[in-house]
């Protein structure tokens, strides 16, 4: 059965950027741009009305920025879109804050058309991280030195810890299952438990919290 198109909202304060993104995405038969916003406040309103699958959110906008807009969208919608923050610099502290707030990943403004399209499809339909090496590098750079581990670290089972580390490498559930020699359903259960114990919305937020806790350094 053919999947319905992936519905997308674009949020950027530069009209030229939105126009370019729309042109690239609208050229794909499985992608549909259903709304645009020039500010974070507009983005929240447009997303609430259009109910997209994915929102591409400029991290730096006047007034309500992409971080606050991400927090508000995730707080008010029972089934929020996957939010990808768009940035000029991959080590931007704003991006890190957006990932901590629950954004599914980030994309550089200089990314080519193929990378943009692939990123939208991946966050909409895949159970893996978007650009896992970049997420790990950003999380490692901003993690606190020698943090006191939060309570959830001790509550993880050995298997759950192994799953979390493999999640951070960008493996899908099926790939994790093959690596661990277990069934995909078992991995899905472990992933759900990891998200619940770390208090995370998705894999990206769980990996960020693992680095913050010092877990990825063997704590």
N, C-alpha and C. Protein backbone atom coordinates (compact mmCIF):
# COMPACT_ATOMS: atom_id res chain seq x y z
N UNK A 1 0.83 -1.18 0.00
CA UNK A 1 0.00 0.00 0.00
C UNK A 1 0.88 1.25 0.00
N UNK A 2 0.53 2.22 -0.81
CA UNK A 2 1.31 3.45 -0.92
C UNK A 2 1.12 4.32 0.31
N UNK A 3 2.22 4.79 0.87
CA UNK A 3 2.15 5.67 2.02
C UNK A 3 1.65 7.04 1.60
N UNK A 4 0.91 7.72 2.47
CA UNK A 4 0.54 9.11 2.16
C UNK A 4 1.80 9.97 2.19
N UNK A 5 1.77 11.13 1.52
CA UNK A 5 2.95 11.99 1.53
C UNK A 5 3.31 12.45 2.93
N UNK A 6 4.60 12.69 3.13
CA UNK A 6 5.08 13.24 4.39
C UNK A 6 4.76 14.73 4.40
N UNK A 7 4.00 15.16 5.40
CA UNK A 7 3.56 16.55 5.49
C UNK A 7 4.60 17.35 6.28
N UNK A 8 4.99 18.50 5.74
CA UNK A 8 6.12 19.27 6.29
C UNK A 8 5.74 20.72 6.51
N UNK A 9 6.18 21.28 7.63
CA UNK A 9 6.10 22.72 7.88
C UNK A 9 7.51 23.28 7.90
N UNK A 10 7.69 24.45 7.27
CA UNK A 10 8.99 25.13 7.21
C UNK A 10 8.94 26.36 8.10
N UNK A 11 9.91 26.51 9.00
CA UNK A 11 9.97 27.68 9.87
C UNK A 11 11.35 28.31 9.76
N UNK A 12 11.41 29.49 9.15
CA UNK A 12 12.67 30.22 9.00
C UNK A 12 12.33 31.68 8.77
N UNK A 13 13.10 32.57 9.39
CA UNK A 13 12.77 33.99 9.25
C UNK A 13 13.22 34.58 7.92
N UNK A 14 13.95 33.81 7.12
CA UNK A 14 14.38 34.28 5.80
C UNK A 14 13.49 33.67 4.72
N UNK A 15 12.77 34.54 4.00
CA UNK A 15 11.86 34.06 2.96
C UNK A 15 12.60 33.26 1.89
N UNK A 16 13.80 33.70 1.54
CA UNK A 16 14.55 33.00 0.49
C UNK A 16 14.88 31.58 0.90
N UNK A 17 15.19 31.39 2.17
CA UNK A 17 15.48 30.03 2.67
C UNK A 17 14.24 29.17 2.57
N UNK A 18 13.10 29.69 3.00
CA UNK A 18 11.85 28.92 2.93
C UNK A 18 11.51 28.59 1.48
N UNK A 19 11.71 29.54 0.59
CA UNK A 19 11.39 29.31 -0.82
C UNK A 19 12.28 28.21 -1.40
N UNK A 20 13.56 28.24 -1.05
CA UNK A 20 14.48 27.22 -1.55
C UNK A 20 14.12 25.83 -1.00
N UNK A 21 13.82 25.78 0.30
CA UNK A 21 13.44 24.50 0.90
C UNK A 21 12.16 23.96 0.27
N UNK A 22 11.18 24.83 0.08
CA UNK A 22 9.92 24.41 -0.53
C UNK A 22 10.15 23.85 -1.92
N UNK A 23 10.99 24.51 -2.72
CA UNK A 23 11.24 24.07 -4.08
C UNK A 23 11.86 22.67 -4.11
N UNK A 24 12.82 22.45 -3.21
CA UNK A 24 13.49 21.15 -3.16
C UNK A 24 12.52 20.06 -2.72
N UNK A 25 11.79 20.32 -1.65
CA UNK A 25 10.92 19.29 -1.08
C UNK A 25 9.70 19.02 -1.95
N UNK A 26 9.14 20.05 -2.54
CA UNK A 26 7.93 19.89 -3.36
C UNK A 26 8.20 19.14 -4.65
N UNK A 27 9.47 19.04 -5.02
CA UNK A 27 9.83 18.31 -6.24
C UNK A 27 9.75 16.79 -6.04
N UNK A 28 9.62 16.36 -4.78
CA UNK A 28 9.55 14.93 -4.48
C UNK A 28 8.09 14.50 -4.33
N UNK A 29 7.69 13.42 -5.00
CA UNK A 29 6.28 13.01 -4.98
C UNK A 29 5.77 12.58 -3.61
N UNK A 30 6.67 12.17 -2.72
CA UNK A 30 6.23 11.69 -1.40
C UNK A 30 6.35 12.75 -0.31
N UNK A 31 6.67 14.00 -0.69
CA UNK A 31 6.82 15.07 0.28
C UNK A 31 5.87 16.21 -0.06
N UNK A 32 5.25 16.80 0.97
CA UNK A 32 4.28 17.87 0.76
C UNK A 32 4.48 18.96 1.82
N UNK A 33 4.79 20.18 1.38
CA UNK A 33 4.91 21.30 2.29
C UNK A 33 3.51 21.85 2.56
N UNK A 34 3.10 21.84 3.83
CA UNK A 34 1.73 22.22 4.16
C UNK A 34 1.64 23.53 4.93
N UNK A 35 2.79 24.15 5.17
CA UNK A 35 2.75 25.43 5.89
C UNK A 35 4.12 26.03 6.04
N UNK A 36 4.14 27.36 6.26
CA UNK A 36 5.39 28.09 6.48
C UNK A 36 5.21 29.06 7.64
N UNK A 37 6.32 29.38 8.28
CA UNK A 37 6.30 30.35 9.37
C UNK A 37 7.60 31.13 9.36
N UNK A 38 7.53 32.41 9.75
CA UNK A 38 8.71 33.27 9.75
C UNK A 38 9.24 33.52 11.16
N UNK A 39 8.49 33.09 12.18
CA UNK A 39 8.93 33.24 13.57
C UNK A 39 8.60 31.97 14.33
N UNK A 40 9.18 31.86 15.52
CA UNK A 40 8.88 30.69 16.33
C UNK A 40 7.42 30.66 16.76
N UNK A 41 6.87 31.83 17.10
CA UNK A 41 5.47 31.89 17.51
C UNK A 41 4.56 31.46 16.36
N UNK A 42 4.86 31.92 15.15
CA UNK A 42 4.09 31.49 13.98
C UNK A 42 4.22 29.99 13.77
N UNK A 43 5.41 29.47 13.99
CA UNK A 43 5.64 28.04 13.80
C UNK A 43 4.74 27.21 14.69
N UNK A 44 4.61 27.62 15.95
CA UNK A 44 3.73 26.89 16.88
C UNK A 44 2.30 26.91 16.37
N UNK A 45 1.84 28.07 15.92
CA UNK A 45 0.47 28.21 15.42
C UNK A 45 0.25 27.38 14.16
N UNK A 46 1.19 27.47 13.21
CA UNK A 46 1.03 26.75 11.95
C UNK A 46 1.06 25.24 12.17
N UNK A 47 1.95 24.79 13.03
CA UNK A 47 2.04 23.36 13.32
C UNK A 47 0.76 22.86 13.98
N UNK A 48 0.21 23.64 14.90
CA UNK A 48 -1.03 23.23 15.56
C UNK A 48 -2.17 23.09 14.56
N UNK A 49 -2.18 23.96 13.55
CA UNK A 49 -3.27 23.93 12.58
C UNK A 49 -3.05 22.88 11.49
N UNK A 50 -1.80 22.79 10.98
CA UNK A 50 -1.53 21.92 9.83
C UNK A 50 -1.26 20.47 10.23
N UNK A 51 -0.82 20.24 11.47
CA UNK A 51 -0.50 18.89 11.97
C UNK A 51 0.42 18.13 11.01
N UNK A 52 1.62 18.67 10.78
CA UNK A 52 2.55 18.00 9.86
C UNK A 52 3.19 16.77 10.51
N UNK A 53 3.87 16.00 9.69
CA UNK A 53 4.67 14.87 10.19
C UNK A 53 6.06 15.34 10.62
N UNK A 54 6.57 16.34 9.91
CA UNK A 54 7.93 16.85 10.16
C UNK A 54 7.89 18.37 10.13
N UNK A 55 8.63 19.01 11.04
CA UNK A 55 8.80 20.46 11.01
C UNK A 55 10.29 20.76 10.91
N UNK A 56 10.67 21.55 9.90
CA UNK A 56 12.06 22.01 9.78
C UNK A 56 12.11 23.39 10.43
N UNK A 57 12.85 23.49 11.53
CA UNK A 57 12.80 24.66 12.40
C UNK A 57 14.15 25.36 12.46
N UNK A 58 14.21 26.60 11.95
CA UNK A 58 15.41 27.41 12.12
C UNK A 58 15.64 27.61 13.60
N UNK A 59 16.85 27.34 14.07
CA UNK A 59 17.09 27.41 15.51
C UNK A 59 17.17 28.84 16.03
N UNK A 60 17.55 29.78 15.16
CA UNK A 60 17.68 31.18 15.57
C UNK A 60 16.67 32.03 14.80
N UNK A 61 15.61 32.44 15.48
CA UNK A 61 14.59 33.31 14.88
C UNK A 61 14.27 34.42 15.86
N UNK A 62 13.81 35.58 15.36
CA UNK A 62 13.48 36.68 16.28
C UNK A 62 12.28 36.32 17.16
N UNK A 63 12.27 36.92 18.35
CA UNK A 63 11.17 36.63 19.27
C UNK A 63 11.31 35.23 19.84
N UNK A 64 10.31 34.42 19.65
CA UNK A 64 10.36 33.02 20.09
C UNK A 64 11.31 32.26 19.16
N UNK A 65 12.43 31.78 19.69
CA UNK A 65 13.40 31.09 18.84
C UNK A 65 12.99 29.63 18.63
N UNK A 66 13.81 28.92 17.88
CA UNK A 66 13.49 27.53 17.55
C UNK A 66 13.45 26.61 18.74
N UNK A 67 14.23 26.92 19.77
CA UNK A 67 14.23 26.09 20.98
C UNK A 67 12.90 26.20 21.71
N UNK A 68 12.49 27.45 21.97
CA UNK A 68 11.22 27.66 22.67
C UNK A 68 10.06 27.12 21.85
N UNK A 69 10.11 27.34 20.53
CA UNK A 69 9.03 26.84 19.67
C UNK A 69 8.96 25.31 19.74
N UNK A 70 10.12 24.66 19.74
CA UNK A 70 10.15 23.20 19.85
C UNK A 70 9.53 22.75 21.16
N UNK A 71 9.91 23.39 22.26
CA UNK A 71 9.36 23.04 23.57
C UNK A 71 7.84 23.20 23.59
N UNK A 72 7.35 24.31 23.02
CA UNK A 72 5.92 24.57 23.05
C UNK A 72 5.15 23.57 22.20
N UNK A 73 5.67 23.25 21.03
CA UNK A 73 5.00 22.29 20.15
C UNK A 73 4.92 20.92 20.82
N UNK A 74 6.02 20.48 21.41
CA UNK A 74 6.03 19.17 22.05
C UNK A 74 5.15 19.14 23.29
N UNK A 75 4.96 20.30 23.91
CA UNK A 75 4.15 20.36 25.13
C UNK A 75 2.66 20.39 24.85
N UNK A 76 2.25 21.02 23.74
CA UNK A 76 0.81 21.26 23.53
C UNK A 76 0.15 20.23 22.62
N UNK A 77 0.92 19.53 21.80
CA UNK A 77 0.30 18.59 20.87
C UNK A 77 0.43 17.16 21.37
N UNK A 78 -0.65 16.41 21.41
CA UNK A 78 -0.57 15.02 21.85
C UNK A 78 0.22 14.14 20.89
N UNK A 79 0.18 14.46 19.61
CA UNK A 79 0.97 13.74 18.61
C UNK A 79 1.78 14.75 17.80
N UNK A 80 2.85 15.28 18.38
CA UNK A 80 3.61 16.33 17.72
C UNK A 80 4.41 15.80 16.54
N UNK A 81 4.80 16.68 15.62
CA UNK A 81 5.64 16.25 14.51
C UNK A 81 7.06 15.96 14.98
N UNK A 82 7.83 15.31 14.15
CA UNK A 82 9.25 15.18 14.38
C UNK A 82 9.88 16.51 13.99
N UNK A 83 10.62 17.11 14.88
CA UNK A 83 11.19 18.43 14.63
C UNK A 83 12.68 18.31 14.35
N UNK A 84 13.09 18.86 13.21
CA UNK A 84 14.50 18.92 12.84
C UNK A 84 14.92 20.38 12.85
N UNK A 85 15.88 20.73 13.69
CA UNK A 85 16.33 22.11 13.74
C UNK A 85 17.38 22.33 12.65
N UNK A 86 17.30 23.51 12.04
CA UNK A 86 18.20 23.85 10.94
C UNK A 86 19.15 24.94 11.43
N UNK A 87 20.45 24.75 11.17
CA UNK A 87 21.45 25.63 11.74
C UNK A 87 22.58 25.89 10.76
N UNK A 88 23.31 26.96 11.00
CA UNK A 88 24.48 27.28 10.19
C UNK A 88 25.71 26.55 10.70
N UNK A 89 25.80 26.36 12.02
CA UNK A 89 26.98 25.76 12.63
C UNK A 89 26.59 24.51 13.40
N UNK A 90 27.29 23.39 13.15
CA UNK A 90 26.89 22.14 13.78
C UNK A 90 27.23 22.07 15.26
N UNK A 91 28.14 22.92 15.75
CA UNK A 91 28.46 22.91 17.18
C UNK A 91 27.73 24.03 17.92
N UNK A 92 26.68 24.54 17.33
CA UNK A 92 25.90 25.62 17.91
C UNK A 92 25.26 25.17 19.23
N UNK A 93 25.47 25.94 20.29
CA UNK A 93 24.87 25.58 21.58
C UNK A 93 23.35 25.62 21.51
N UNK A 94 22.80 26.45 20.62
CA UNK A 94 21.35 26.49 20.43
C UNK A 94 20.84 25.13 19.95
N UNK A 95 21.59 24.50 19.07
CA UNK A 95 21.19 23.19 18.55
C UNK A 95 21.18 22.16 19.68
N UNK A 96 22.20 22.19 20.50
CA UNK A 96 22.26 21.27 21.63
C UNK A 96 21.06 21.44 22.54
N UNK A 97 20.72 22.70 22.82
CA UNK A 97 19.56 22.97 23.66
C UNK A 97 18.27 22.46 23.01
N UNK A 98 18.18 22.58 21.68
CA UNK A 98 17.00 22.09 20.97
C UNK A 98 16.91 20.57 21.05
N UNK A 99 18.04 19.88 20.94
CA UNK A 99 18.04 18.42 21.07
C UNK A 99 17.64 18.01 22.49
N UNK A 100 18.12 18.75 23.48
CA UNK A 100 17.74 18.47 24.86
C UNK A 100 16.25 18.68 25.06
N UNK A 101 15.69 19.64 24.31
CA UNK A 101 14.26 19.96 24.43
C UNK A 101 13.38 18.93 23.73
N UNK A 102 13.97 18.09 22.88
CA UNK A 102 13.19 17.04 22.23
C UNK A 102 13.20 17.05 20.71
N UNK A 103 14.00 17.93 20.08
CA UNK A 103 14.12 17.88 18.62
C UNK A 103 14.71 16.55 18.20
N UNK A 104 14.25 16.03 17.06
CA UNK A 104 14.67 14.70 16.60
C UNK A 104 16.07 14.71 16.00
N UNK A 105 16.58 15.88 15.64
CA UNK A 105 17.90 15.97 15.04
C UNK A 105 18.13 17.36 14.49
N UNK A 106 19.26 17.52 13.81
CA UNK A 106 19.54 18.82 13.23
C UNK A 106 20.14 18.66 11.84
N UNK A 107 20.03 19.73 11.08
CA UNK A 107 20.46 19.74 9.68
C UNK A 107 21.18 21.05 9.42
N UNK A 108 22.29 21.00 8.73
CA UNK A 108 23.03 22.21 8.40
C UNK A 108 22.39 22.92 7.20
N UNK A 109 22.39 24.25 7.24
CA UNK A 109 21.79 25.02 6.15
C UNK A 109 22.52 24.81 4.83
N UNK A 110 23.77 24.42 4.91
CA UNK A 110 24.53 24.20 3.68
C UNK A 110 24.34 22.79 3.10
N UNK A 111 23.49 21.99 3.72
CA UNK A 111 23.25 20.63 3.23
C UNK A 111 22.69 20.67 1.81
N UNK A 112 23.09 19.70 0.99
CA UNK A 112 22.60 19.68 -0.39
C UNK A 112 21.18 19.10 -0.43
N UNK A 113 20.58 19.17 -1.60
CA UNK A 113 19.18 18.76 -1.75
C UNK A 113 18.97 17.30 -1.39
N UNK A 114 19.86 16.43 -1.81
CA UNK A 114 19.71 15.00 -1.52
C UNK A 114 19.75 14.74 -0.02
N UNK A 115 20.64 15.43 0.68
CA UNK A 115 20.75 15.25 2.13
C UNK A 115 19.49 15.74 2.83
N UNK A 116 18.95 16.86 2.38
CA UNK A 116 17.72 17.40 2.95
C UNK A 116 16.57 16.42 2.79
N UNK A 117 16.38 15.92 1.59
CA UNK A 117 15.27 15.01 1.31
C UNK A 117 15.44 13.71 2.11
N UNK A 118 16.65 13.20 2.15
CA UNK A 118 16.90 11.96 2.89
C UNK A 118 16.65 12.16 4.38
N UNK A 119 17.02 13.32 4.91
CA UNK A 119 16.82 13.60 6.33
C UNK A 119 15.34 13.63 6.68
N UNK A 120 14.53 14.27 5.85
CA UNK A 120 13.09 14.34 6.10
C UNK A 120 12.48 12.94 6.09
N UNK A 121 12.85 12.15 5.10
CA UNK A 121 12.30 10.78 5.03
C UNK A 121 12.74 9.95 6.22
N UNK A 122 13.99 10.11 6.63
CA UNK A 122 14.50 9.30 7.73
C UNK A 122 13.78 9.62 9.04
N UNK A 123 13.64 10.90 9.38
CA UNK A 123 13.00 11.22 10.66
C UNK A 123 11.51 10.88 10.65
N UNK A 124 10.91 10.88 9.47
CA UNK A 124 9.48 10.57 9.39
C UNK A 124 9.21 9.07 9.52
N UNK A 125 10.09 8.25 8.99
CA UNK A 125 9.76 6.83 8.87
C UNK A 125 10.75 5.87 9.53
N UNK A 126 11.91 6.33 9.97
CA UNK A 126 12.93 5.40 10.45
C UNK A 126 13.00 5.37 11.96
N UNK A 127 13.58 4.29 12.50
CA UNK A 127 13.79 4.18 13.95
C UNK A 127 15.27 4.33 14.29
N UNK A 128 15.97 5.18 13.55
CA UNK A 128 17.37 5.42 13.82
C UNK A 128 17.62 6.91 14.02
N UNK A 129 18.83 7.26 14.46
CA UNK A 129 19.20 8.66 14.65
C UNK A 129 19.48 9.32 13.30
N UNK A 130 19.21 10.61 13.23
CA UNK A 130 19.59 11.42 12.08
C UNK A 130 21.03 11.90 12.29
N UNK A 131 21.93 11.51 11.38
CA UNK A 131 23.35 11.89 11.47
C UNK A 131 23.91 11.56 12.86
N UNK A 132 23.99 10.28 13.21
CA UNK A 132 24.38 9.89 14.57
C UNK A 132 25.75 10.39 15.00
N UNK A 133 26.73 10.39 14.09
CA UNK A 133 28.06 10.83 14.48
C UNK A 133 28.05 12.31 14.88
N UNK A 134 27.26 13.12 14.17
CA UNK A 134 27.17 14.54 14.49
C UNK A 134 26.47 14.74 15.83
N UNK A 135 25.43 13.96 16.09
CA UNK A 135 24.73 14.06 17.37
C UNK A 135 25.66 13.67 18.51
N UNK A 136 26.42 12.58 18.33
CA UNK A 136 27.36 12.15 19.38
C UNK A 136 28.41 13.21 19.64
N UNK A 137 28.96 13.80 18.56
CA UNK A 137 30.00 14.82 18.72
C UNK A 137 29.46 16.03 19.46
N UNK A 138 28.25 16.46 19.10
CA UNK A 138 27.66 17.62 19.75
C UNK A 138 27.37 17.34 21.22
N UNK A 139 26.82 16.16 21.49
CA UNK A 139 26.49 15.80 22.87
C UNK A 139 27.75 15.68 23.72
N UNK A 140 28.79 15.07 23.15
CA UNK A 140 30.04 14.90 23.89
C UNK A 140 30.68 16.25 24.18
N UNK A 141 30.61 17.18 23.24
CA UNK A 141 31.22 18.50 23.41
C UNK A 141 30.55 19.30 24.52
N UNK A 142 29.23 19.16 24.63
CA UNK A 142 28.49 19.98 25.59
C UNK A 142 28.21 19.27 26.92
N UNK A 143 28.56 17.99 27.01
CA UNK A 143 28.33 17.27 28.25
C UNK A 143 29.20 17.83 29.37
N UNK A 144 28.68 17.83 30.57
CA UNK A 144 29.43 18.32 31.72
C UNK A 144 30.53 17.33 32.08
N UNK A 145 31.64 17.86 32.58
CA UNK A 145 32.75 17.00 33.00
C UNK A 145 32.43 16.35 34.35
N UNK A 146 32.65 15.03 34.41
CA UNK A 146 32.48 14.28 35.66
C UNK A 146 31.17 14.56 36.38
N UNK A 147 30.03 14.37 35.69
CA UNK A 147 28.76 14.64 36.36
C UNK A 147 28.42 13.55 37.38
N UNK A 148 27.62 13.92 38.36
CA UNK A 148 27.08 12.90 39.25
C UNK A 148 25.99 12.17 38.48
N UNK A 149 26.10 10.85 38.32
CA UNK A 149 25.12 10.14 37.49
C UNK A 149 23.72 10.22 38.08
N UNK A 150 22.71 10.50 37.24
CA UNK A 150 21.34 10.52 37.73
C UNK A 150 20.87 9.12 38.10
N UNK A 151 19.74 9.06 38.79
CA UNK A 151 19.25 7.78 39.31
C UNK A 151 18.96 6.77 38.22
N UNK A 152 18.57 7.24 37.02
CA UNK A 152 18.18 6.29 35.98
C UNK A 152 19.34 5.41 35.53
N UNK A 153 20.57 5.89 35.69
CA UNK A 153 21.73 5.09 35.25
C UNK A 153 21.77 3.76 36.00
N UNK A 154 21.53 3.79 37.30
CA UNK A 154 21.56 2.57 38.11
C UNK A 154 20.37 1.67 37.82
N UNK A 155 19.29 2.25 37.29
CA UNK A 155 18.09 1.45 37.01
C UNK A 155 18.16 0.72 35.68
N UNK A 156 19.08 1.11 34.80
CA UNK A 156 19.21 0.42 33.52
C UNK A 156 19.75 -0.99 33.74
N UNK A 157 19.15 -1.96 33.07
CA UNK A 157 19.72 -3.30 33.08
C UNK A 157 20.92 -3.35 32.14
N UNK A 158 21.69 -4.43 32.24
CA UNK A 158 22.84 -4.56 31.35
C UNK A 158 22.43 -4.54 29.89
N UNK A 159 21.35 -5.23 29.57
CA UNK A 159 20.86 -5.27 28.19
C UNK A 159 20.39 -3.89 27.73
N UNK A 160 19.71 -3.18 28.60
CA UNK A 160 19.23 -1.84 28.24
C UNK A 160 20.41 -0.89 28.00
N UNK A 161 21.45 -1.02 28.82
CA UNK A 161 22.63 -0.20 28.60
C UNK A 161 23.29 -0.50 27.27
N UNK A 162 23.33 -1.78 26.91
CA UNK A 162 23.90 -2.18 25.63
C UNK A 162 23.09 -1.61 24.47
N UNK A 163 21.76 -1.67 24.60
CA UNK A 163 20.88 -1.12 23.57
C UNK A 163 21.10 0.39 23.44
N UNK A 164 21.22 1.09 24.56
CA UNK A 164 21.43 2.55 24.52
C UNK A 164 22.73 2.88 23.79
N UNK A 165 23.77 2.15 24.06
CA UNK A 165 25.05 2.42 23.38
C UNK A 165 24.94 2.14 21.88
N UNK A 166 24.22 1.11 21.50
CA UNK A 166 24.05 0.80 20.08
C UNK A 166 23.12 1.81 19.41
N UNK A 167 22.13 2.29 20.14
CA UNK A 167 21.27 3.36 19.62
C UNK A 167 22.13 4.57 19.24
N UNK A 168 23.11 4.88 20.08
CA UNK A 168 23.95 6.05 19.85
C UNK A 168 24.79 5.93 18.58
N UNK A 169 25.03 4.71 18.12
CA UNK A 169 25.80 4.52 16.89
C UNK A 169 24.94 4.70 15.64
N UNK A 170 23.61 4.81 15.84
CA UNK A 170 22.72 5.01 14.70
C UNK A 170 22.09 3.74 14.16
N UNK A 171 22.24 2.63 14.89
CA UNK A 171 21.65 1.38 14.41
C UNK A 171 20.13 1.40 14.57
N UNK A 172 19.44 0.74 13.63
CA UNK A 172 18.00 0.56 13.74
C UNK A 172 17.71 -0.59 14.71
N UNK A 173 16.44 -0.77 15.05
CA UNK A 173 16.08 -1.89 15.92
C UNK A 173 16.49 -3.23 15.32
N UNK A 174 16.27 -3.38 14.03
CA UNK A 174 16.63 -4.64 13.37
C UNK A 174 18.14 -4.87 13.42
N UNK A 175 18.92 -3.82 13.24
CA UNK A 175 20.38 -3.95 13.28
C UNK A 175 20.87 -4.24 14.70
N UNK A 176 20.23 -3.61 15.68
CA UNK A 176 20.58 -3.89 17.08
C UNK A 176 20.25 -5.34 17.41
N UNK A 177 19.11 -5.82 16.92
CA UNK A 177 18.71 -7.21 17.18
C UNK A 177 19.75 -8.18 16.64
N UNK A 178 20.22 -7.92 15.42
CA UNK A 178 21.23 -8.81 14.83
C UNK A 178 22.53 -8.74 15.62
N UNK A 179 22.91 -7.55 16.06
CA UNK A 179 24.16 -7.39 16.81
C UNK A 179 24.10 -8.10 18.16
N UNK A 180 22.94 -8.10 18.79
CA UNK A 180 22.79 -8.70 20.12
C UNK A 180 22.34 -10.15 20.07
N UNK A 181 21.93 -10.62 18.91
CA UNK A 181 21.47 -11.99 18.78
C UNK A 181 20.12 -12.23 19.42
N UNK A 182 19.25 -11.21 19.35
CA UNK A 182 17.90 -11.33 19.90
C UNK A 182 16.90 -10.93 18.82
N UNK A 183 15.61 -11.06 19.13
CA UNK A 183 14.58 -10.69 18.18
C UNK A 183 14.29 -9.20 18.19
N UNK A 184 13.78 -8.65 17.07
CA UNK A 184 13.43 -7.23 17.01
C UNK A 184 12.43 -6.81 18.08
N UNK A 185 11.49 -7.70 18.41
CA UNK A 185 10.50 -7.36 19.43
C UNK A 185 11.16 -7.14 20.78
N UNK A 186 12.18 -7.95 21.08
CA UNK A 186 12.92 -7.78 22.34
C UNK A 186 13.62 -6.43 22.37
N UNK A 187 14.23 -6.06 21.24
CA UNK A 187 14.92 -4.77 21.16
C UNK A 187 13.92 -3.64 21.33
N UNK A 188 12.77 -3.76 20.68
CA UNK A 188 11.74 -2.72 20.80
C UNK A 188 11.34 -2.52 22.25
N UNK A 189 11.22 -3.62 22.99
CA UNK A 189 10.87 -3.54 24.41
C UNK A 189 11.97 -2.84 25.19
N UNK A 190 13.24 -3.18 24.89
CA UNK A 190 14.37 -2.55 25.57
C UNK A 190 14.42 -1.05 25.26
N UNK A 191 14.20 -0.68 24.00
CA UNK A 191 14.22 0.73 23.61
C UNK A 191 13.15 1.51 24.38
N UNK A 192 11.95 0.94 24.44
CA UNK A 192 10.87 1.60 25.17
C UNK A 192 11.23 1.79 26.64
N UNK A 193 11.90 0.79 27.22
CA UNK A 193 12.30 0.89 28.62
C UNK A 193 13.38 1.94 28.81
N UNK A 194 14.32 2.01 27.87
CA UNK A 194 15.38 3.02 27.93
C UNK A 194 14.78 4.43 27.87
N UNK A 195 13.85 4.63 26.96
CA UNK A 195 13.21 5.94 26.83
C UNK A 195 12.46 6.30 28.11
N UNK A 196 11.76 5.33 28.68
CA UNK A 196 10.99 5.59 29.90
C UNK A 196 11.91 5.91 31.07
N UNK A 197 12.97 5.13 31.23
CA UNK A 197 13.87 5.32 32.37
C UNK A 197 14.68 6.61 32.27
N UNK A 198 15.04 7.00 31.05
CA UNK A 198 15.81 8.25 30.88
C UNK A 198 14.90 9.46 30.77
N UNK A 199 13.57 9.23 30.70
CA UNK A 199 12.63 10.34 30.56
C UNK A 199 12.75 11.03 29.22
N UNK A 200 12.97 10.25 28.17
CA UNK A 200 13.23 10.81 26.84
C UNK A 200 12.05 10.60 25.90
N UNK A 201 11.87 11.55 24.99
CA UNK A 201 10.82 11.44 23.98
C UNK A 201 11.23 10.48 22.87
N UNK A 202 12.52 10.46 22.55
CA UNK A 202 12.98 9.64 21.42
C UNK A 202 14.44 9.28 21.62
N UNK A 203 15.01 8.59 20.61
CA UNK A 203 16.37 8.11 20.71
C UNK A 203 17.38 9.25 20.84
N UNK A 204 17.15 10.33 20.09
CA UNK A 204 18.08 11.45 20.12
C UNK A 204 18.20 12.01 21.54
N UNK A 205 17.06 12.26 22.17
CA UNK A 205 17.08 12.82 23.52
C UNK A 205 17.72 11.83 24.50
N UNK A 206 17.48 10.54 24.31
CA UNK A 206 18.09 9.54 25.20
C UNK A 206 19.61 9.55 25.07
N UNK A 207 20.12 9.67 23.86
CA UNK A 207 21.57 9.69 23.65
C UNK A 207 22.17 10.95 24.26
N UNK A 208 21.52 12.09 24.08
CA UNK A 208 22.00 13.33 24.69
C UNK A 208 22.06 13.18 26.21
N UNK A 209 21.03 12.62 26.79
CA UNK A 209 21.00 12.46 28.25
C UNK A 209 22.04 11.45 28.72
N UNK A 210 22.32 10.44 27.90
CA UNK A 210 23.36 9.47 28.25
C UNK A 210 24.73 10.14 28.33
N UNK A 211 25.01 11.03 27.39
CA UNK A 211 26.28 11.76 27.43
C UNK A 211 26.31 12.71 28.62
N UNK A 212 25.22 13.39 28.89
CA UNK A 212 25.17 14.31 30.03
C UNK A 212 25.43 13.57 31.35
N UNK A 213 24.94 12.34 31.42
CA UNK A 213 25.08 11.56 32.65
C UNK A 213 26.45 10.91 32.79
N UNK A 214 27.28 11.01 31.75
CA UNK A 214 28.57 10.35 31.78
C UNK A 214 28.46 8.87 31.46
N UNK A 215 27.25 8.42 31.07
CA UNK A 215 27.04 6.99 30.80
C UNK A 215 27.89 6.51 29.63
N UNK A 216 28.04 7.33 28.61
CA UNK A 216 28.76 6.90 27.42
C UNK A 216 30.27 6.81 27.67
N UNK A 217 30.70 7.34 28.80
CA UNK A 217 32.12 7.24 29.18
C UNK A 217 32.38 6.07 30.11
N UNK A 218 31.36 5.21 30.26
CA UNK A 218 31.55 3.99 31.04
C UNK A 218 31.10 4.08 32.48
N UNK A 219 30.41 5.18 32.81
CA UNK A 219 29.93 5.28 34.20
C UNK A 219 28.80 4.29 34.46
